[in-house]
Amino acid sequence: MAELAARTGGTFTTVEEAARVTYALPEIATDEVRAYLRTRSEGELTALGTACLPKARVLGAGVILAGDGRSLVSDGSGDFGGTEGRPWLMDAGKLRCPVTLEGPVAVAAVNLGAGYCHWLLEELPRLLGVPLGEAEHLIVHAGPSYAQAALARRRGKERLVVPRRNSHFACAPLLVPAMVGRAGWPTLTALAQVEAFTEGLGRDGTGRGERLYFSRSRAGRRRVSNEEELWAELAPRGFSRVWLEDLTWSEQIAACRRARVVVAAHGAGLANLVFCPPGTRVVELVNRAYFNPTFWRLASLRGQDYRPVVTAGTEPLGEDRKANRRDIEADLAGVRVALGD
C-alpha cells in the first residue's frame, strides 16, 4: 500500500514494520502431527499502517483496487478468491458498475468477515485501526450480533455500508488499514488489539465452569459424529457442554475467561481462545484430511497447551478444502490421552 499511495499522491502511515512470525510446536502431539505443523510454523507479516488513497475501488468484502480499477492492493485485501492475483469479480460479466460513496470512506471488511472466526481475528483488528472521526462511510460487516456489539462499543459516527459478495464501490478518498496478518495466521498485534478493546467485557464473574466442551451438534458441518460417546467421557470429568450460538458475545467472552480446559471440534468457536488464559489446555478434534492449523497458531501465540486429536486412519494429514464439511469421529482414546486425567 505504501508504494501505491506514493504513486497516486496518497499517504501511508507506518505503525509496525514487516516481520517474521514463528509458532511453537505443541509439546503433546504425535510425531506425525508435529512434522505436519512444522512445515506451517513460520510466515512473513507485511508492514502495518494506514493508507489514504485519493481514489480507490472496493470489491466484494474488502478487496481493494486502485482508482484505475486494475491494480490490486494485495496487503490491503484478504483472500480475493481469484487466480494469479486477480479478484474473481473482475472476470467478464461479474463486475458491476461501481456505486459512488460521497465523502471520505474507510474499509474494515475482510473476506469471510461475516463469519465469527474471520471477523474476530481479522476484521475486528482492522476495524480498530480505523481512526475515529476521519471517515463519513465505513465498509464493514454489521449484521451479526457480535459485530453490532463491537460497533456499539467503538462508538463511531460513520454511516455503515455492509458489503455483499458482488459489491463494487468507488471511493474518493479511501482510508485502508493494512490487514493485521492474513487468514489463518493470527498475530500478536491483532490479539493485543482485541484484548485491549474487550478488556471490560466478561469480567462479571459469570461463566460455564473451568472445563468446557463446545458442541457443534447444531452446525451444518463438522459435527462430532460420536458426540454422545464423547460426552460420556467428558461429563464425568466435570465438563460443561456449551452451544456458543446460544450466548451473547459478552457471555462467550466470560465463559472463556474462566476456562482452563477446552475441548472442541475444529470450528469458528475456537477463535474464542483469544479470551482463554495462557496455560489453558486446548483439545482440538480435527479431520485428518482437513487439518487447518489456525487454532494451533492462535493457541501458540496465547501460550496455551494445544493438544490436537486427529481422526483415526491412515489417510495423510492435509488441508483439503473439499473435506472441510466432513463430520469428525472423535478418537476417544486420543481424547483421554490429551486430557491426561
C-alpha atoms as a PDB file:
ATOM      1  CA  MET A   1       0.000   0.000   0.000  1.00  0.00           C
ATOM      2  CA  ALA A   2       2.866   2.371   0.730  1.00  0.00           C
ATOM      3  CA  GLU A   3       4.094   2.160  -2.879  1.00  0.00           C
ATOM      4  CA  LEU A   4       0.618   2.678  -4.341  1.00  0.00           C
ATOM      5  CA  ALA A   5      -0.096   5.592  -2.018  1.00  0.00           C
ATOM      6  CA  ALA A   6       3.128   7.308  -3.058  1.00  0.00           C
ATOM      7  CA  ARG A   7       2.441   6.687  -6.767  1.00  0.00           C
ATOM      8  CA  THR A   8      -1.096   8.069  -6.635  1.00  0.00           C
ATOM      9  CA  GLY A   9      -0.479  11.091  -4.416  1.00  0.00           C
ATOM     10  CA  GLY A  10      -1.755   9.479  -1.244  1.00  0.00           C
ATOM     11  CA  THR A  11      -0.123   8.811   2.113  1.00  0.00           C
ATOM     12  CA  PHE A  12       0.864   5.787   4.174  1.00  0.00           C
ATOM     13  CA  THR A  13       1.470   5.937   7.913  1.00  0.00           C
ATOM     14  CA  THR A  14       3.552   3.008   9.189  1.00  0.00           C
ATOM     15  CA  VAL A  15       2.543   1.582  12.552  1.00  0.00           C
ATOM     16  CA  GLU A  16       4.665  -1.580  12.599  1.00  0.00           C
ATOM     17  CA  GLU A  17       7.428  -2.768  10.286  1.00  0.00           C
ATOM     18  CA  ALA A  18       7.282  -6.053   8.365  1.00  0.00           C
ATOM     19  CA  ALA A  19       8.331  -9.042  10.457  1.00  0.00           C
ATOM     20  CA  ARG A  20       8.589 -12.813  10.552  1.00  0.00           C
ATOM     21  CA  VAL A  21       6.414 -14.882  12.859  1.00  0.00           C
ATOM     22  CA  THR A  22       7.105 -18.360  14.285  1.00  0.00           C
ATOM     23  CA  TYR A  23       4.521 -20.517  16.035  1.00  0.00           C
ATOM     24  CA  ALA A  24       5.712 -23.002  18.667  1.00  0.00           C
ATOM     25  CA  LEU A  25       5.002 -26.670  18.025  1.00  0.00           C
ATOM     26  CA  PRO A  26       2.703 -28.431  20.526  1.00  0.00           C
ATOM     27  CA  GLU A  27       4.541 -30.420  23.180  1.00  0.00           C
ATOM     28  CA  ILE A  28       1.814 -33.068  23.473  1.00  0.00           C
ATOM     29  CA  ALA A  29       1.262 -34.364  19.953  1.00  0.00           C
ATOM     30  CA  THR A  30       2.244 -37.319  17.816  1.00  0.00           C
ATOM     31  CA  ASP A  31       5.365 -37.231  15.663  1.00  0.00           C
ATOM     32  CA  GLU A  32       3.087 -37.202  12.620  1.00  0.00           C
ATOM     33  CA  VAL A  33       1.273 -34.084  13.817  1.00  0.00           C
ATOM     34  CA  ARG A  34       4.453 -32.261  14.795  1.00  0.00           C
ATOM     35  CA  ALA A  35       6.007 -32.965  11.394  1.00  0.00           C
ATOM     36  CA  TYR A  36       2.868 -31.665   9.675  1.00  0.00           C
ATOM     37  CA  LEU A  37       2.735 -28.468  11.729  1.00  0.00           C
ATOM     38  CA  ARG A  38       6.472 -27.853  11.467  1.00  0.00           C
ATOM     39  CA  THR A  39       6.047 -27.101   7.750  1.00  0.00           C
ATOM     40  CA  ARG A  40       3.410 -24.496   8.641  1.00  0.00           C
ATOM     41  CA  SER A  41       5.119 -22.856  11.600  1.00  0.00           C
ATOM     42  CA  GLU A  42       6.738 -19.781  10.008  1.00  0.00           C
ATOM     43  CA  GLY A  43       5.411 -16.918   7.908  1.00  0.00           C
ATOM     44  CA  GLU A  44       6.064 -13.361   6.756  1.00  0.00           C
ATOM     45  CA  LEU A  45       3.949 -10.472   8.007  1.00  0.00           C
ATOM     46  CA  THR A  46       3.607  -7.287   5.979  1.00  0.00           C
ATOM     47  CA  ALA A  47       4.145  -3.832   7.445  1.00  0.00           C
ATOM     48  CA  LEU A  48       1.161  -2.431   9.319  1.00  0.00           C
ATOM     49  CA  GLY A  49      -0.196   1.023   8.775  1.00  0.00           C
ATOM     50  CA  THR A  50      -2.989   3.011   7.181  1.00  0.00           C
ATOM     51  CA  ALA A  51      -3.083   4.274   3.620  1.00  0.00           C
ATOM     52  CA  CYS A  52      -5.122   7.199   2.398  1.00  0.00           C
ATOM     53  CA  LEU A  53      -5.724   6.716  -1.327  1.00  0.00           C
ATOM     54  CA  PRO A  54      -7.111   9.698  -3.292  1.00  0.00           C
ATOM     55  CA  LYS A  55      -9.245   7.360  -5.392  1.00  0.00           C
ATOM     56  CA  ALA A  56      -9.848   3.638  -4.991  1.00  0.00           C
ATOM     57  CA  ARG A  57     -12.372   0.849  -5.507  1.00  0.00           C
ATOM     58  CA  VAL A  58     -13.653  -1.705  -3.016  1.00  0.00           C
ATOM     59  CA  LEU A  59     -14.886  -5.023  -4.395  1.00  0.00           C
ATOM     60  CA  GLY A  60     -16.882  -7.610  -2.508  1.00  0.00           C
ATOM     61  CA  ALA A  61     -15.928  -7.869   1.145  1.00  0.00           C
ATOM     62  CA  GLY A  62     -12.837  -5.694   1.233  1.00  0.00           C
ATOM     63  CA  VAL A  63     -10.821  -6.297  -1.950  1.00  0.00           C
ATOM     64  CA  ILE A  64      -9.031  -3.012  -2.649  1.00  0.00           C
ATOM     65  CA  LEU A  65      -8.197  -1.785  -6.148  1.00  0.00           C
ATOM     66  CA  ALA A  66      -6.501   1.434  -7.168  1.00  0.00           C
ATOM     67  CA  GLY A  67      -8.655   4.109  -8.742  1.00  0.00           C
ATOM     68  CA  ASP A  68      -7.966   2.752 -12.226  1.00  0.00           C
ATOM     69  CA  GLY A  69      -9.859  -0.398 -11.264  1.00  0.00           C
ATOM     70  CA  ARG A  70      -6.953  -2.648 -12.269  1.00  0.00           C
ATOM     71  CA  SER A  71      -4.171  -2.552  -9.645  1.00  0.00           C
ATOM     72  CA  LEU A  72      -4.801  -4.837  -6.674  1.00  0.00           C
ATOM     73  CA  VAL A  73      -3.714  -3.626  -3.243  1.00  0.00           C
ATOM     74  CA  SER A  74      -2.562  -7.038  -2.039  1.00  0.00           C
ATOM     75  CA  ASP A  75      -1.545  -6.039   1.500  1.00  0.00           C
ATOM     76  CA  GLY A  76      -4.864  -4.258   1.976  1.00  0.00           C
ATOM     77  CA  SER A  77      -7.006  -7.145   0.732  1.00  0.00           C
ATOM     78  CA  GLY A  78      -7.703 -10.598   2.074  1.00  0.00           C
ATOM     79  CA  ASP A  79      -8.279 -13.797   0.143  1.00  0.00           C
ATOM     80  CA  PHE A  80      -9.842 -12.397  -3.014  1.00  0.00           C
ATOM     81  CA  GLY A  81     -10.808 -15.767  -4.470  1.00  0.00           C
ATOM     82  CA  GLY A  82      -9.276 -15.352  -7.919  1.00  0.00           C
ATOM     83  CA  THR A  83      -6.218 -16.648  -9.706  1.00  0.00           C
ATOM     84  CA  GLU A  84      -2.831 -15.057 -10.262  1.00  0.00           C
ATOM     85  CA  GLY A  85      -3.636 -12.034  -8.130  1.00  0.00           C
ATOM     86  CA  ARG A  86      -6.911 -11.283  -9.907  1.00  0.00           C
ATOM     87  CA  PRO A  87     -10.136 -10.881  -7.871  1.00  0.00           C
ATOM     88  CA  TRP A  88     -12.921 -13.137  -9.138  1.00  0.00           C
ATOM     89  CA  LEU A  89     -15.253 -10.148  -9.552  1.00  0.00           C
ATOM     90  CA  MET A  90     -13.055  -8.781 -12.339  1.00  0.00           C
ATOM     91  CA  ASP A  91     -13.849 -11.712 -14.592  1.00  0.00           C
ATOM     92  CA  ALA A  92     -16.069 -10.908 -17.563  1.00  0.00           C
ATOM     93  CA  GLY A  93     -19.723 -10.489 -16.710  1.00  0.00           C
ATOM     94  CA  LYS A  94     -19.286 -10.369 -12.929  1.00  0.00           C
ATOM     95  CA  LEU A  95     -18.127  -6.829 -12.187  1.00  0.00           C
ATOM     96  CA  ARG A  96     -20.992  -4.434 -11.587  1.00  0.00           C
ATOM     97  CA  CYS A  97     -20.849  -0.703 -12.216  1.00  0.00           C
ATOM     98  CA  PRO A  98     -19.482   0.954  -9.081  1.00  0.00           C
ATOM     99  CA  VAL A  99     -21.651   2.718  -6.549  1.00  0.00           C
ATOM    100  CA  THR A 100     -20.041   6.042  -5.653  1.00  0.00           C
ATOM    101  CA  LEU A 101     -19.790   6.830  -1.945  1.00  0.00           C
ATOM    102  CA  GLU A 102     -19.572  10.588  -1.472  1.00  0.00           C
ATOM    103  CA  GLY A 103     -17.072  11.795   1.101  1.00  0.00           C
ATOM    104  CA  PRO A 104     -14.205  10.023   2.863  1.00  0.00           C
ATOM    105  CA  VAL A 105     -14.645   6.238   3.150  1.00  0.00           C
ATOM    106  CA  ALA A 106     -12.865   3.728   5.410  1.00  0.00           C
ATOM    107  CA  VAL A 107     -12.829  -0.021   4.869  1.00  0.00           C
ATOM    108  CA  ALA A 108     -12.642  -2.586   7.661  1.00  0.00           C
ATOM    109  CA  ALA A 109     -14.377  -5.525   5.956  1.00  0.00           C
ATOM    110  CA  VAL A 110     -12.405  -8.652   5.076  1.00  0.00           C
ATOM    111  CA  ASN A 111     -13.236 -11.713   3.037  1.00  0.00           C
ATOM    112  CA  LEU A 112     -15.499 -14.084   5.038  1.00  0.00           C
ATOM    113  CA  GLY A 113     -15.759 -11.405   7.722  1.00  0.00           C
ATOM    114  CA  ALA A 114     -19.446 -12.185   8.209  1.00  0.00           C
ATOM    115  CA  GLY A 115     -18.268 -15.383   9.939  1.00  0.00           C
ATOM    116  CA  TYR A 116     -17.114 -15.233  13.543  1.00  0.00           C
ATOM    117  CA  CYS A 117     -13.543 -16.523  13.226  1.00  0.00           C
ATOM    118  CA  HIS A 118     -12.523 -14.243  10.345  1.00  0.00           C
ATOM    119  CA  TRP A 119     -14.377 -11.353  11.951  1.00  0.00           C
ATOM    120  CA  LEU A 120     -12.707 -11.729  15.363  1.00  0.00           C
ATOM    121  CA  LEU A 121      -9.159 -12.455  14.200  1.00  0.00           C
ATOM    122  CA  GLU A 122      -9.037 -10.288  11.054  1.00  0.00           C
ATOM    123  CA  GLU A 123     -11.892  -7.808  10.669  1.00  0.00           C
ATOM    124  CA  LEU A 124     -12.141  -6.577  14.254  1.00  0.00           C
ATOM    125  CA  PRO A 125      -8.399  -5.725  14.446  1.00  0.00           C
ATOM    126  CA  ARG A 126      -8.725  -3.925  11.119  1.00  0.00           C
ATOM    127  CA  LEU A 127     -11.779  -2.034  12.382  1.00  0.00           C
ATOM    128  CA  LEU A 128      -9.783  -0.943  15.409  1.00  0.00           C
ATOM    129  CA  GLY A 129      -7.220   0.518  13.022  1.00  0.00           C
ATOM    130  CA  VAL A 130      -9.786   2.907  11.512  1.00  0.00           C
ATOM    131  CA  PRO A 131      -9.318   6.354  13.112  1.00  0.00           C
ATOM    132  CA  LEU A 132     -12.465   7.776  14.661  1.00  0.00           C
ATOM    133  CA  GLY A 133     -13.845  10.908  13.043  1.00  0.00           C
ATOM    134  CA  GLU A 134     -11.925  10.707   9.765  1.00  0.00           C
ATOM    135  CA  ALA A 135     -14.495   8.988   7.524  1.00  0.00           C
ATOM    136  CA  GLU A 136     -18.125   9.536   6.636  1.00  0.00           C
ATOM    137  CA  HIS A 137     -18.705   5.947   5.475  1.00  0.00           C
ATOM    138  CA  LEU A 138     -17.403   2.688   6.931  1.00  0.00           C
ATOM    139  CA  ILE A 139     -17.478  -0.523   4.868  1.00  0.00           C
ATOM    140  CA  VAL A 140     -17.882  -3.232   7.482  1.00  0.00           C
ATOM    141  CA  HIS A 141     -19.849  -6.379   8.291  1.00  0.00           C
ATOM    142  CA  ALA A 142     -22.532  -5.170  10.688  1.00  0.00           C
ATOM    143  CA  GLY A 143     -25.176  -7.893  10.632  1.00  0.00           C
ATOM    144  CA  PRO A 144     -24.113 -10.477  13.248  1.00  0.00           C
ATOM    145  CA  SER A 145     -24.892  -9.660  16.875  1.00  0.00           C
ATOM    146  CA  TYR A 146     -21.216  -9.760  17.871  1.00  0.00           C
ATOM    147  CA  ALA A 147     -20.362  -7.231  15.153  1.00  0.00           C
ATOM    148  CA  GLN A 148     -23.179  -4.980  16.322  1.00  0.00           C
ATOM    149  CA  ALA A 149     -21.906  -5.212  19.897  1.00  0.00           C
ATOM    150  CA  ALA A 150     -18.376  -4.268  18.833  1.00  0.00           C
ATOM    151  CA  LEU A 151     -19.548  -1.336  16.700  1.00  0.00           C
ATOM    152  CA  ALA A 152     -21.644  -0.025  19.574  1.00  0.00           C
ATOM    153  CA  ARG A 153     -18.647  -0.323  21.889  1.00  0.00           C
ATOM    154  CA  ARG A 154     -16.415   1.503  19.396  1.00  0.00           C
ATOM    155  CA  ARG A 155     -18.911   4.405  19.175  1.00  0.00           C
ATOM    156  CA  GLY A 156     -18.007   5.538  15.694  1.00  0.00           C
ATOM    157  CA  LYS A 157     -20.247   8.005  13.865  1.00  0.00           C
ATOM    158  CA  GLU A 158     -19.722   6.776  10.291  1.00  0.00           C
ATOM    159  CA  ARG A 159     -22.569   5.629   8.062  1.00  0.00           C
ATOM    160  CA  LEU A 160     -22.247   1.855   7.878  1.00  0.00           C
ATOM    161  CA  VAL A 161     -22.012   0.234   4.449  1.00  0.00           C
ATOM    162  CA  VAL A 162     -22.439  -3.541   4.570  1.00  0.00           C
ATOM    163  CA  PRO A 163     -20.606  -5.266   1.685  1.00  0.00           C
ATOM    164  CA  ARG A 164     -22.076  -8.061  -0.392  1.00  0.00           C
ATOM    165  CA  ARG A 165     -20.302 -10.730  -2.411  1.00  0.00           C
ATOM    166  CA  ASN A 166     -20.601  -8.717  -5.637  1.00  0.00           C
ATOM    167  CA  SER A 167     -20.401  -5.182  -4.206  1.00  0.00           C
ATOM    168  CA  HIS A 168     -18.390  -2.557  -6.082  1.00  0.00           C
ATOM    169  CA  PHE A 169     -17.798   0.868  -4.527  1.00  0.00           C
ATOM    170  CA  ALA A 170     -15.930   3.899  -5.888  1.00  0.00           C
ATOM    171  CA  CYS A 171     -14.376   5.935  -3.090  1.00  0.00           C
ATOM    172  CA  ALA A 172     -12.553   9.259  -3.030  1.00  0.00           C
ATOM    173  CA  PRO A 173     -10.680   9.241  -0.752  1.00  0.00           C
ATOM    174  CA  LEU A 174     -10.391   5.785   0.856  1.00  0.00           C
ATOM    175  CA  LEU A 175      -8.755   5.016   4.198  1.00  0.00           C
ATOM    176  CA  VAL A 176      -7.309   1.486   4.179  1.00  0.00           C
ATOM    177  CA  PRO A 177      -5.844  -0.048   7.335  1.00  0.00           C
ATOM    178  CA  ALA A 178      -3.481  -2.855   6.362  1.00  0.00           C
ATOM    179  CA  MET A 179      -4.542  -6.421   7.104  1.00  0.00           C
ATOM    180  CA  VAL A 180      -3.301  -7.394  10.567  1.00  0.00           C
ATOM    181  CA  GLY A 181      -1.864 -10.705   9.454  1.00  0.00           C
ATOM    182  CA  ARG A 182      -3.703 -12.887   6.961  1.00  0.00           C
ATOM    183  CA  ALA A 183      -6.349 -15.570   7.045  1.00  0.00           C
ATOM    184  CA  GLY A 184      -5.241 -18.398   9.319  1.00  0.00           C
ATOM    185  CA  TRP A 185      -2.126 -16.556  10.521  1.00  0.00           C
ATOM    186  CA  PRO A 186      -3.061 -14.631  13.706  1.00  0.00           C
ATOM    187  CA  THR A 187      -0.581 -12.097  15.048  1.00  0.00           C
ATOM    188  CA  LEU A 188       0.390 -10.801  18.461  1.00  0.00           C
ATOM    189  CA  THR A 189      -0.577  -7.314  17.321  1.00  0.00           C
ATOM    190  CA  ALA A 190      -4.101  -8.406  16.406  1.00  0.00           C
ATOM    191  CA  LEU A 191      -4.538 -10.284  19.685  1.00  0.00           C
ATOM    192  CA  ALA A 192      -3.296  -7.291  21.683  1.00  0.00           C
ATOM    193  CA  GLN A 193      -5.786  -5.026  19.903  1.00  0.00           C
ATOM    194  CA  VAL A 194      -8.688  -7.376  20.613  1.00  0.00           C
ATOM    195  CA  GLU A 195      -7.598  -7.847  24.223  1.00  0.00           C
ATOM    196  CA  ALA A 196      -7.418  -4.089  24.854  1.00  0.00           C
ATOM    197  CA  PHE A 197     -10.772  -3.467  23.163  1.00  0.00           C
ATOM    198  CA  THR A 198     -12.580  -6.169  25.165  1.00  0.00           C
ATOM    199  CA  GLU A 199     -10.837  -5.591  28.489  1.00  0.00           C
ATOM    200  CA  GLY A 200     -14.027  -4.688  30.337  1.00  0.00           C
ATOM    201  CA  LEU A 201     -16.162  -7.484  28.887  1.00  0.00           C
ATOM    202  CA  GLY A 202     -16.783 -10.826  30.578  1.00  0.00           C
ATOM    203  CA  ARG A 203     -15.364  -9.699  33.928  1.00  0.00           C
ATOM    204  CA  ASP A 204     -18.603 -10.045  35.879  1.00  0.00           C
ATOM    205  CA  GLY A 205     -17.764 -13.450  37.339  1.00  0.00           C
ATOM    206  CA  THR A 206     -20.206 -15.383  35.184  1.00  0.00           C
ATOM    207  CA  GLY A 207     -19.066 -18.374  33.205  1.00  0.00           C
ATOM    208  CA  ARG A 208     -19.702 -22.021  32.477  1.00  0.00           C
ATOM    209  CA  GLY A 209     -17.026 -23.586  34.666  1.00  0.00           C
ATOM    210  CA  GLU A 210     -13.345 -24.264  34.066  1.00  0.00           C
ATOM    211  CA  ARG A 211     -13.853 -27.246  31.726  1.00  0.00           C
ATOM    212  CA  LEU A 212     -15.782 -26.534  28.537  1.00  0.00           C
ATOM    213  CA  TYR A 213     -16.895 -28.613  25.599  1.00  0.00           C
ATOM    214  CA  PHE A 214     -18.007 -26.543  22.579  1.00  0.00           C
ATOM    215  CA  SER A 215     -20.711 -28.571  20.858  1.00  0.00           C
ATOM    216  CA  ARG A 216     -21.294 -28.307  17.102  1.00  0.00           C
ATOM    217  CA  SER A 217     -24.357 -30.575  17.137  1.00  0.00           C
ATOM    218  CA  ARG A 218     -26.473 -27.759  15.667  1.00  0.00           C
ATOM    219  CA  ALA A 219     -23.953 -26.815  12.983  1.00  0.00           C
ATOM    220  CA  GLY A 220     -24.339 -27.665   9.338  1.00  0.00           C
ATOM    221  CA  ARG A 221     -20.895 -29.234   9.044  1.00  0.00           C
ATOM    222  CA  ARG A 222     -18.003 -30.634  11.054  1.00  0.00           C
ATOM    223  CA  ARG A 223     -20.236 -32.115  13.705  1.00  0.00           C
ATOM    224  CA  VAL A 224     -18.799 -34.766  16.010  1.00  0.00           C
ATOM    225  CA  SER A 225     -20.431 -37.929  14.691  1.00  0.00           C
ATOM    226  CA  ASN A 226     -19.995 -39.780  18.006  1.00  0.00           C
ATOM    227  CA  GLU A 227     -20.734 -36.823  20.253  1.00  0.00           C
ATOM    228  CA  GLU A 228     -22.750 -38.753  22.819  1.00  0.00           C
ATOM    229  CA  GLU A 229     -19.917 -41.249  23.246  1.00  0.00           C
ATOM    230  CA  LEU A 230     -17.510 -38.346  23.612  1.00  0.00           C
ATOM    231  CA  TRP A 231     -19.819 -36.645  26.101  1.00  0.00           C
ATOM    232  CA  ALA A 232     -19.930 -39.857  28.151  1.00  0.00           C
ATOM    233  CA  GLU A 233     -16.163 -39.405  28.541  1.00  0.00           C
ATOM    234  CA  LEU A 234     -16.315 -35.666  29.295  1.00  0.00           C
ATOM    235  CA  ALA A 235     -19.320 -35.356  31.625  1.00  0.00           C
ATOM    236  CA  PRO A 236     -17.809 -37.424  34.482  1.00  0.00           C
ATOM    237  CA  ARG A 237     -14.699 -35.265  34.239  1.00  0.00           C
ATOM    238  CA  GLY A 238     -16.661 -32.130  35.140  1.00  0.00           C
ATOM    239  CA  PHE A 239     -17.106 -30.592  31.704  1.00  0.00           C
ATOM    240  CA  SER A 240     -19.940 -28.233  30.762  1.00  0.00           C
ATOM    241  CA  ARG A 241     -21.407 -28.657  27.279  1.00  0.00           C
ATOM    242  CA  VAL A 242     -21.789 -25.236  25.646  1.00  0.00           C
ATOM    243  CA  TRP A 243     -23.555 -24.167  22.463  1.00  0.00           C
ATOM    244  CA  LEU A 244     -21.849 -20.867  21.731  1.00  0.00           C
ATOM    245  CA  GLU A 245     -24.610 -19.747  19.380  1.00  0.00           C
ATOM    246  CA  ASP A 246     -26.896 -19.526  22.435  1.00  0.00           C
ATOM    247  CA  LEU A 247     -24.617 -16.973  24.124  1.00  0.00           C
ATOM    248  CA  THR A 248     -24.159 -13.260  23.585  1.00  0.00           C
ATOM    249  CA  TRP A 249     -20.682 -12.089  22.637  1.00  0.00           C
ATOM    250  CA  SER A 250     -20.075 -10.902  26.190  1.00  0.00           C
ATOM    251  CA  GLU A 251     -21.240 -14.272  27.555  1.00  0.00           C
ATOM    252  CA  GLN A 252     -18.868 -16.139  25.220  1.00  0.00           C
ATOM    253  CA  ILE A 253     -16.004 -13.967  26.428  1.00  0.00           C
ATOM    254  CA  ALA A 254     -16.970 -14.520  30.067  1.00  0.00           C
ATOM    255  CA  ALA A 255     -17.113 -18.287  29.601  1.00  0.00           C
ATOM    256  CA  CYS A 256     -13.680 -18.389  28.016  1.00  0.00           C
ATOM    257  CA  ARG A 257     -12.017 -16.096  30.524  1.00  0.00           C
ATOM    258  CA  ARG A 258     -12.707 -18.708  33.232  1.00  0.00           C
ATOM    259  CA  ALA A 259     -11.845 -21.768  31.149  1.00  0.00           C
ATOM    260  CA  ARG A 260      -8.852 -23.948  31.964  1.00  0.00           C
ATOM    261  CA  VAL A 261      -9.605 -26.842  29.585  1.00  0.00           C
ATOM    262  CA  VAL A 262     -11.421 -26.549  26.242  1.00  0.00           C
ATOM    263  CA  VAL A 263     -12.435 -29.483  24.031  1.00  0.00           C
ATOM    264  CA  ALA A 264     -13.931 -28.724  20.617  1.00  0.00           C
ATOM    265  CA  ALA A 265     -14.080 -29.842  17.032  1.00  0.00           C
ATOM    266  CA  HIS A 266     -12.423 -27.515  14.542  1.00  0.00           C
ATOM    267  CA  GLY A 267     -14.766 -24.562  14.078  1.00  0.00           C
ATOM    268  CA  ALA A 268     -15.217 -20.818  14.440  1.00  0.00           C
ATOM    269  CA  GLY A 269     -15.962 -21.007  18.166  1.00  0.00           C
ATOM    270  CA  LEU A 270     -12.308 -21.808  18.825  1.00  0.00           C
ATOM    271  CA  ALA A 271     -11.455 -18.243  17.839  1.00  0.00           C
ATOM    272  CA  ASN A 272     -12.547 -17.514  21.421  1.00  0.00           C
ATOM    273  CA  LEU A 273      -9.198 -18.928  22.535  1.00  0.00           C
ATOM    274  CA  VAL A 274      -8.241 -15.249  22.294  1.00  0.00           C
ATOM    275  CA  PHE A 275     -10.032 -14.834  25.616  1.00  0.00           C
ATOM    276  CA  CYS A 276      -8.786 -18.002  27.355  1.00  0.00           C
ATOM    277  CA  PRO A 277      -5.880 -17.567  29.781  1.00  0.00           C
ATOM    278  CA  PRO A 278      -2.339 -18.668  28.980  1.00  0.00           C
ATOM    279  CA  GLY A 279      -1.857 -22.290  30.014  1.00  0.00           C
ATOM    280  CA  THR A 280      -5.392 -23.303  29.038  1.00  0.00           C
ATOM    281  CA  ARG A 281      -5.383 -26.879  27.731  1.00  0.00           C
ATOM    282  CA  VAL A 282      -6.897 -26.935  24.233  1.00  0.00           C
ATOM    283  CA  VAL A 283      -8.001 -30.277  22.799  1.00  0.00           C
ATOM    284  CA  GLU A 284      -8.993 -29.695  19.174  1.00  0.00           C
ATOM    285  CA  LEU A 285     -10.700 -32.539  17.284  1.00  0.00           C
ATOM    286  CA  VAL A 286      -9.681 -32.466  13.630  1.00  0.00           C
ATOM    287  CA  ASN A 287     -10.247 -34.455  10.468  1.00  0.00           C
ATOM    288  CA  ARG A 288      -7.097 -35.994   9.015  1.00  0.00           C
ATOM    289  CA  ALA A 289      -7.945 -34.695   5.544  1.00  0.00           C
ATOM    290  CA  TYR A 290      -8.671 -31.160   6.749  1.00  0.00           C
ATOM    291  CA  PHE A 291      -6.245 -30.160   9.477  1.00  0.00           C
ATOM    292  CA  ASN A 292      -6.433 -26.374   9.368  1.00  0.00           C
ATOM    293  CA  PRO A 293      -3.686 -25.015  11.670  1.00  0.00           C
ATOM    294  CA  THR A 294      -5.358 -21.683  12.524  1.00  0.00           C
ATOM    295  CA  PHE A 295      -6.236 -22.537  16.119  1.00  0.00           C
ATOM    296  CA  TRP A 296      -2.888 -24.180  16.826  1.00  0.00           C
ATOM    297  CA  ARG A 297      -1.251 -20.907  15.757  1.00  0.00           C
ATOM    298  CA  LEU A 298      -3.667 -18.927  17.925  1.00  0.00           C
ATOM    299  CA  ALA A 299      -3.052 -21.154  20.955  1.00  0.00           C
ATOM    300  CA  SER A 300       0.693 -20.879  20.379  1.00  0.00           C
ATOM    301  CA  LEU A 301       0.580 -17.079  20.498  1.00  0.00           C
ATOM    302  CA  ARG A 302      -1.589 -17.196  23.622  1.00  0.00           C
ATOM    303  CA  GLY A 303       0.809 -19.544  25.421  1.00  0.00           C
ATOM    304  CA  GLN A 304      -1.810 -22.273  25.671  1.00  0.00           C
ATOM    305  CA  ASP A 305      -1.310 -26.045  25.927  1.00  0.00           C
ATOM    306  CA  TYR A 306      -2.552 -27.169  22.498  1.00  0.00           C
ATOM    307  CA  ARG A 307      -3.207 -30.923  22.117  1.00  0.00           C
ATOM    308  CA  PRO A 308      -4.738 -31.920  18.774  1.00  0.00           C
ATOM    309  CA  VAL A 309      -6.593 -35.209  18.367  1.00  0.00           C
ATOM    310  CA  VAL A 310      -6.937 -36.286  14.739  1.00  0.00           C
ATOM    311  CA  THR A 311      -9.366 -38.872  13.450  1.00  0.00           C
ATOM    312  CA  ALA A 312      -8.037 -42.412  13.323  1.00  0.00           C
ATOM    313  CA  GLY A 313      -6.885 -43.813   9.996  1.00  0.00           C
ATOM    314  CA  THR A 314      -4.046 -43.980   7.518  1.00  0.00           C
ATOM    315  CA  GLU A 315      -5.017 -41.044   5.313  1.00  0.00           C
ATOM    316  CA  PRO A 316      -2.178 -38.477   5.214  1.00  0.00           C
ATOM    317  CA  LEU A 317      -2.684 -35.273   7.150  1.00  0.00           C
ATOM    318  CA  GLY A 318      -3.681 -32.464   4.829  1.00  0.00           C
ATOM    319  CA  GLU A 319      -5.704 -29.320   4.302  1.00  0.00           C
ATOM    320  CA  ASP A 320      -8.073 -30.390   1.552  1.00  0.00           C
ATOM    321  CA  ARG A 321     -10.859 -27.798   1.434  1.00  0.00           C
ATOM    322  CA  LYS A 322     -13.154 -30.365  -0.131  1.00  0.00           C
ATOM    323  CA  ALA A 323     -13.014 -32.229   3.187  1.00  0.00           C
ATOM    324  CA  ASN A 324     -13.912 -29.103   5.155  1.00  0.00           C
ATOM    325  CA  ARG A 325     -17.540 -30.134   5.586  1.00  0.00           C
ATOM    326  CA  ARG A 326     -16.931 -33.678   6.818  1.00  0.00           C
ATOM    327  CA  ASP A 327     -18.153 -34.691  10.246  1.00  0.00           C
ATOM    328  CA  ILE A 328     -15.477 -35.751  12.707  1.00  0.00           C
ATOM    329  CA  GLU A 329     -15.402 -39.016  14.603  1.00  0.00           C
ATOM    330  CA  ALA A 330     -13.599 -38.261  17.846  1.00  0.00           C
ATOM    331  CA  ASP A 331     -10.789 -40.677  18.683  1.00  0.00           C
ATOM    332  CA  LEU A 332     -11.859 -41.375  22.262  1.00  0.00           C
ATOM    333  CA  ALA A 333      -8.576 -42.990  23.252  1.00  0.00           C
ATOM    334  CA  GLY A 334      -6.739 -39.962  21.886  1.00  0.00           C
ATOM    335  CA  VAL A 335      -9.024 -37.623  23.822  1.00  0.00           C
ATOM    336  CA  ARG A 336      -8.299 -39.485  27.044  1.00  0.00           C
ATOM    337  CA  VAL A 337      -4.552 -39.148  26.430  1.00  0.00           C
ATOM    338  CA  ALA A 338      -4.909 -35.440  25.619  1.00  0.00           C
ATOM    339  CA  LEU A 339      -6.923 -34.778  28.764  1.00  0.00           C
ATOM    340  CA  GLY A 340      -4.281 -36.524  30.836  1.00  0.00           C
ATOM    341  CA  ASP A 341      -6.603 -37.388  33.683  1.00  0.00           C
END
